[in-house]
């Protein structure tokens, strides 16, 4: 006699609930990570612009503000920027936190530190 092999209904439901929960968690956290990547991309673009290397803080803030308007960045404002020089290279940094509500009163708090450094 051969023993039956396969997936039972209860086993399928158990794994389906875990997979659905993981996918929903990913859908909730993805926008925060996408905005982080967009901010970091804009920092690198501004720092890589030769005209910005010798620019003063107001000009760099204005360039970042123009980019935030186009890219719909809301987590960081121009006043949150930390602008420094590392040798002849412009370095732009920021630090911010995002709270993402998950279920009922459970939230994920994510700290981001985008930078123009390579």
C-alpha atoms as a PDB file:
ATOM      1  CA  UNK A   1       0.000   0.000   0.000  1.00  0.00           C
ATOM      2  CA  UNK A   2       1.182   3.485  -0.855  1.00  0.00           C
ATOM      3  CA  UNK A   3       0.908   6.288   1.607  1.00  0.00           C
ATOM      4  CA  UNK A   4      -0.789   9.441   0.355  1.00  0.00           C
ATOM      5  CA  UNK A   5       1.320  12.539   0.157  1.00  0.00           C
ATOM      6  CA  UNK A   6       0.300  16.108  -0.357  1.00  0.00           C
ATOM      7  CA  UNK A   7      -0.971  19.202   1.320  1.00  0.00           C
ATOM      8  CA  UNK A   8      -3.984  19.069   3.595  1.00  0.00           C
ATOM      9  CA  UNK A   9      -6.602  21.816   3.666  1.00  0.00           C
ATOM     10  CA  UNK A  10      -5.574  22.897   7.163  1.00  0.00           C
ATOM     11  CA  UNK A  11      -1.907  23.008   6.119  1.00  0.00           C
ATOM     12  CA  UNK A  12      -2.778  25.025   3.044  1.00  0.00           C
ATOM     13  CA  UNK A  13      -4.823  27.525   5.092  1.00  0.00           C
ATOM     14  CA  UNK A  14      -2.030  27.880   7.641  1.00  0.00           C
ATOM     15  CA  UNK A  15       0.571  28.727   4.997  1.00  0.00           C
ATOM     16  CA  UNK A  16      -1.880  30.890   3.040  1.00  0.00           C
ATOM     17  CA  UNK A  17      -2.513  33.065   6.125  1.00  0.00           C
ATOM     18  CA  UNK A  18       1.238  33.475   6.685  1.00  0.00           C
ATOM     19  CA  UNK A  19       1.888  34.382   3.038  1.00  0.00           C
ATOM     20  CA  UNK A  20      -1.045  36.856   2.922  1.00  0.00           C
ATOM     21  CA  UNK A  21       0.160  38.512   6.144  1.00  0.00           C
ATOM     22  CA  UNK A  22       3.700  38.849   4.740  1.00  0.00           C
ATOM     23  CA  UNK A  23       2.415  40.320   1.463  1.00  0.00           C
ATOM     24  CA  UNK A  24       0.183  42.838   3.269  1.00  0.00           C
ATOM     25  CA  UNK A  25       3.083  43.835   5.508  1.00  0.00           C
ATOM     26  CA  UNK A  26       5.185  44.401   2.392  1.00  0.00           C
ATOM     27  CA  UNK A  27       2.453  46.522   0.802  1.00  0.00           C
ATOM     28  CA  UNK A  28       2.254  48.711   3.911  1.00  0.00           C
ATOM     29  CA  UNK A  29       6.025  49.184   4.285  1.00  0.00           C
ATOM     30  CA  UNK A  30       6.910  49.592   0.596  1.00  0.00           C
ATOM     31  CA  UNK A  31       5.844  53.279   0.241  1.00  0.00           C
ATOM     32  CA  UNK A  32       8.115  54.344   3.116  1.00  0.00           C
ATOM     33  CA  UNK A  33      11.099  52.558   1.549  1.00  0.00           C
ATOM     34  CA  UNK A  34      10.277  53.921  -1.909  1.00  0.00           C
ATOM     35  CA  UNK A  35      10.236  57.476  -0.530  1.00  0.00           C
ATOM     36  CA  UNK A  36      13.583  56.830   1.209  1.00  0.00           C
ATOM     37  CA  UNK A  37      15.115  55.656  -2.069  1.00  0.00           C
ATOM     38  CA  UNK A  38      13.706  58.714  -3.866  1.00  0.00           C
ATOM     39  CA  UNK A  39      15.156  61.069  -1.238  1.00  0.00           C
ATOM     40  CA  UNK A  40      18.541  59.388  -1.464  1.00  0.00           C
ATOM     41  CA  UNK A  41      18.454  59.612  -5.268  1.00  0.00           C
ATOM     42  CA  UNK A  42      17.682  63.342  -5.085  1.00  0.00           C
ATOM     43  CA  UNK A  43      20.488  63.906  -2.556  1.00  0.00           C
ATOM     44  CA  UNK A  44      22.970  62.208  -4.893  1.00  0.00           C
ATOM     45  CA  UNK A  45      21.704  64.194  -7.875  1.00  0.00           C
ATOM     46  CA  UNK A  46      22.076  67.525  -6.059  1.00  0.00           C
ATOM     47  CA  UNK A  47      25.496  66.622  -4.630  1.00  0.00           C
ATOM     48  CA  UNK A  48      26.655  65.453  -8.055  1.00  0.00           C
ATOM     49  CA  UNK A  49      25.657  68.712  -9.748  1.00  0.00           C
ATOM     50  CA  UNK A  50      28.836  70.775 -10.341  1.00  0.00           C
ATOM     51  CA  UNK A  51      26.920  74.040  -9.868  1.00  0.00           C
ATOM     52  CA  UNK A  52      25.910  72.993  -6.343  1.00  0.00           C
ATOM     53  CA  UNK A  53      29.491  72.345  -5.191  1.00  0.00           C
ATOM     54  CA  UNK A  54      30.117  76.053  -4.651  1.00  0.00           C
ATOM     55  CA  UNK A  55      26.510  77.001  -3.837  1.00  0.00           C
ATOM     56  CA  UNK A  56      25.385  78.374  -0.493  1.00  0.00           C
ATOM     57  CA  UNK A  57      22.820  76.651   1.739  1.00  0.00           C
ATOM     58  CA  UNK A  58      19.755  78.611   0.449  1.00  0.00           C
ATOM     59  CA  UNK A  59      20.495  77.576  -3.146  1.00  0.00           C
ATOM     60  CA  UNK A  60      20.875  73.914  -2.131  1.00  0.00           C
ATOM     61  CA  UNK A  61      17.640  74.064  -0.114  1.00  0.00           C
ATOM     62  CA  UNK A  62      15.838  75.643  -3.070  1.00  0.00           C
ATOM     63  CA  UNK A  63      17.133  72.911  -5.413  1.00  0.00           C
ATOM     64  CA  UNK A  64      15.942  70.236  -2.979  1.00  0.00           C
ATOM     65  CA  UNK A  65      12.556  71.972  -2.556  1.00  0.00           C
ATOM     66  CA  UNK A  66      12.065  72.037  -6.330  1.00  0.00           C
ATOM     67  CA  UNK A  67      12.830  68.324  -6.505  1.00  0.00           C
ATOM     68  CA  UNK A  68      10.514  67.503  -3.581  1.00  0.00           C
ATOM     69  CA  UNK A  69       7.676  69.255  -5.353  1.00  0.00           C
ATOM     70  CA  UNK A  70       8.183  67.191  -8.487  1.00  0.00           C
ATOM     71  CA  UNK A  71       8.793  63.866  -6.686  1.00  0.00           C
ATOM     72  CA  UNK A  72       6.103  64.450  -4.013  1.00  0.00           C
ATOM     73  CA  UNK A  73       8.529  63.947  -1.113  1.00  0.00           C
ATOM     74  CA  UNK A  74       6.841  64.761   2.186  1.00  0.00           C
ATOM     75  CA  UNK A  75       9.046  63.139   4.840  1.00  0.00           C
ATOM     76  CA  UNK A  76      11.946  65.602   4.591  1.00  0.00           C
ATOM     77  CA  UNK A  77      11.814  69.373   4.190  1.00  0.00           C
ATOM     78  CA  UNK A  78      14.697  71.624   3.095  1.00  0.00           C
ATOM     79  CA  UNK A  79      15.127  72.758   6.715  1.00  0.00           C
ATOM     80  CA  UNK A  80      15.841  69.131   7.761  1.00  0.00           C
ATOM     81  CA  UNK A  81      18.937  68.886   5.560  1.00  0.00           C
ATOM     82  CA  UNK A  82      22.417  68.570   7.041  1.00  0.00           C
ATOM     83  CA  UNK A  83      24.773  70.029   4.442  1.00  0.00           C
ATOM     84  CA  UNK A  84      28.535  69.580   4.816  1.00  0.00           C
ATOM     85  CA  UNK A  85      31.657  69.432   2.662  1.00  0.00           C
ATOM     86  CA  UNK A  86      33.921  66.389   2.638  1.00  0.00           C
ATOM     87  CA  UNK A  87      37.015  67.650   0.887  1.00  0.00           C
ATOM     88  CA  UNK A  88      35.680  69.078  -2.367  1.00  0.00           C
ATOM     89  CA  UNK A  89      32.555  66.880  -2.335  1.00  0.00           C
ATOM     90  CA  UNK A  90      29.166  68.177  -1.173  1.00  0.00           C
ATOM     91  CA  UNK A  91      27.485  65.834   1.344  1.00  0.00           C
ATOM     92  CA  UNK A  92      23.762  66.074   2.056  1.00  0.00           C
ATOM     93  CA  UNK A  93      22.192  64.071   4.889  1.00  0.00           C
ATOM     94  CA  UNK A  94      18.913  63.889   6.753  1.00  0.00           C
ATOM     95  CA  UNK A  95      17.459  61.759   9.517  1.00  0.00           C
ATOM     96  CA  UNK A  96      13.768  61.040   9.888  1.00  0.00           C
ATOM     97  CA  UNK A  97      11.342  58.446  11.196  1.00  0.00           C
ATOM     98  CA  UNK A  98       8.206  57.043   9.611  1.00  0.00           C
ATOM     99  CA  UNK A  99       5.425  55.416  11.595  1.00  0.00           C
ATOM    100  CA  UNK A 100       3.395  52.936   9.551  1.00  0.00           C
ATOM    101  CA  UNK A 101       0.155  51.658  11.104  1.00  0.00           C
ATOM    102  CA  UNK A 102      -0.065  47.886  10.641  1.00  0.00           C
ATOM    103  CA  UNK A 103      -3.026  46.381  12.491  1.00  0.00           C
ATOM    104  CA  UNK A 104      -5.309  48.011  15.086  1.00  0.00           C
ATOM    105  CA  UNK A 105      -2.923  49.781  17.488  1.00  0.00           C
ATOM    106  CA  UNK A 106       0.267  48.107  16.207  1.00  0.00           C
ATOM    107  CA  UNK A 107       2.631  50.302  14.200  1.00  0.00           C
ATOM    108  CA  UNK A 108       6.060  49.937  12.680  1.00  0.00           C
ATOM    109  CA  UNK A 109       8.462  52.800  13.389  1.00  0.00           C
ATOM    110  CA  UNK A 110      11.250  52.963  10.809  1.00  0.00           C
ATOM    111  CA  UNK A 111      14.285  55.264  11.098  1.00  0.00           C
ATOM    112  CA  UNK A 112      15.882  56.422   7.853  1.00  0.00           C
ATOM    113  CA  UNK A 113      19.208  58.207   7.291  1.00  0.00           C
ATOM    114  CA  UNK A 114      19.531  59.044   3.587  1.00  0.00           C
ATOM    115  CA  UNK A 115      22.841  60.508   2.460  1.00  0.00           C
ATOM    116  CA  UNK A 116      24.495  61.596  -0.763  1.00  0.00           C
ATOM    117  CA  UNK A 117      27.696  59.744   0.180  1.00  0.00           C
ATOM    118  CA  UNK A 118      28.583  56.764  -1.944  1.00  0.00           C
END
